């Protein structure tokens, strides 16, 4: 596998030759700034990599509720509004 090319400081016109190894794997080198990508191939053969994150379904449902996000942010900002819950005392069991 070989990667070669020149990098522009601004990154606007960066072109790097990427060659696949025998198992069709590629190394992104300096191009890879993220850990995960969604990839698809265009009809003309262009491969598009889109930075991605993995989240649970619960996280996705929470992020879909801006009202809950706002409530969480308000509670985090205002310590006086937090409700303190008491914890049950752990009882030692003799056996």
Protein backbone atom coordinates (compact mmCIF):
# COMPACT_ATOMS: atom_id res chain seq x y z
CA UNK A 1 0.00 0.00 0.00
CA UNK A 2 1.32 3.41 -0.90
CA UNK A 3 0.18 6.91 -0.13
CA UNK A 4 1.82 9.93 -1.62
CA UNK A 5 1.01 13.49 -2.48
CA UNK A 6 1.29 17.04 -1.31
CA UNK A 7 -0.72 18.76 1.38
CA UNK A 8 -1.84 22.37 1.21
CA UNK A 9 -1.72 24.12 4.61
CA UNK A 10 -5.35 25.23 4.29
CA UNK A 11 -6.42 21.74 3.24
CA UNK A 12 -8.62 23.23 0.50
CA UNK A 13 -6.86 21.53 -2.41
CA UNK A 14 -5.24 18.53 -0.78
CA UNK A 15 -4.78 15.60 -3.12
CA UNK A 16 -3.23 12.35 -2.01
CA UNK A 17 -2.76 9.17 -4.04
CA UNK A 18 -4.12 6.23 -2.06
CA UNK A 19 -3.44 2.69 -3.22
CA UNK A 20 -5.25 -0.37 -1.93
CA UNK A 21 -3.35 -3.34 -0.54
CA UNK A 22 -4.02 -6.95 -1.61
CA UNK A 23 -7.02 -7.07 0.76
CA UNK A 24 -8.44 -3.84 -0.77
CA UNK A 25 -7.66 -1.79 2.36
CA UNK A 26 -6.47 1.80 2.30
CA UNK A 27 -4.65 4.01 4.80
CA UNK A 28 -5.88 7.59 4.94
CA UNK A 29 -2.70 8.95 6.49
CA UNK A 30 -2.99 12.68 7.16
CA UNK A 31 -6.45 12.80 5.56
CA UNK A 32 -8.11 10.84 8.35
CA UNK A 33 -9.03 13.28 11.09
CA UNK A 34 -11.88 11.22 12.52
CA UNK A 35 -12.15 7.68 13.87
CA UNK A 36 -15.24 6.53 11.97
CA UNK A 37 -16.72 7.28 8.58
CA UNK A 38 -19.79 6.31 6.61
CA UNK A 39 -18.70 5.52 3.08
CA UNK A 40 -20.46 5.16 -0.23
CA UNK A 41 -19.42 4.96 -3.84
CA UNK A 42 -20.89 7.32 -6.40
CA UNK A 43 -21.95 5.95 -9.82
CA UNK A 44 -18.81 7.52 -11.34
CA UNK A 45 -16.53 5.61 -8.92
CA UNK A 46 -15.87 8.46 -6.47
CA UNK A 47 -15.73 7.16 -2.89
CA UNK A 48 -17.25 9.57 -0.37
CA UNK A 49 -16.28 9.39 3.32
CA UNK A 50 -18.53 11.19 5.80
CA UNK A 51 -17.42 11.53 9.46
CA UNK A 52 -19.74 9.53 11.69
CA UNK A 53 -20.45 8.86 15.35
CA UNK A 54 -22.10 5.84 16.87
CA UNK A 55 -24.77 6.41 19.50
CA UNK A 56 -27.37 4.34 21.23
CA UNK A 57 -31.03 4.52 20.29
CA UNK A 58 -31.71 6.17 23.66
CA UNK A 59 -29.20 8.93 22.89
CA UNK A 60 -30.79 9.44 19.47
CA UNK A 61 -34.26 9.73 21.00
CA UNK A 62 -32.98 12.23 23.58
CA UNK A 63 -31.33 14.39 20.93
CA UNK A 64 -34.62 14.42 19.00
CA UNK A 65 -36.26 16.16 22.01
CA UNK A 66 -34.95 19.74 22.21
CA UNK A 67 -37.29 20.42 25.14
CA UNK A 68 -35.53 17.75 27.24
CA UNK A 69 -32.08 18.98 26.20
CA UNK A 70 -33.06 22.50 27.29
CA UNK A 71 -34.38 21.21 30.62
CA UNK A 72 -31.15 19.27 31.25
CA UNK A 73 -29.02 22.32 30.42
CA UNK A 74 -31.10 24.55 32.73
CA UNK A 75 -30.84 22.06 35.57
CA UNK A 76 -27.09 21.71 35.08
CA UNK A 77 -26.68 25.50 35.14
CA UNK A 78 -28.85 26.08 38.24
CA UNK A 79 -27.67 23.94 41.17
CA UNK A 80 -30.53 25.19 43.39
CA UNK A 81 -33.14 23.64 41.10
CA UNK A 82 -31.72 20.15 41.48
CA UNK A 83 -33.66 17.64 43.54
CA UNK A 84 -31.55 15.75 46.02
CA UNK A 85 -32.60 12.15 46.39
CA UNK A 86 -31.83 10.20 49.52
CA UNK A 87 -30.17 6.86 49.19
CA UNK A 88 -31.13 3.76 51.06
CA UNK A 89 -28.59 2.76 53.66
CA UNK A 90 -26.92 -0.53 53.01
CA UNK A 91 -27.60 -3.00 55.78
CA UNK A 92 -25.01 -5.54 56.67
CA UNK A 93 -26.29 -9.08 56.54
CA UNK A 94 -24.81 -11.52 59.02
CA UNK A 95 -24.67 -15.09 57.91
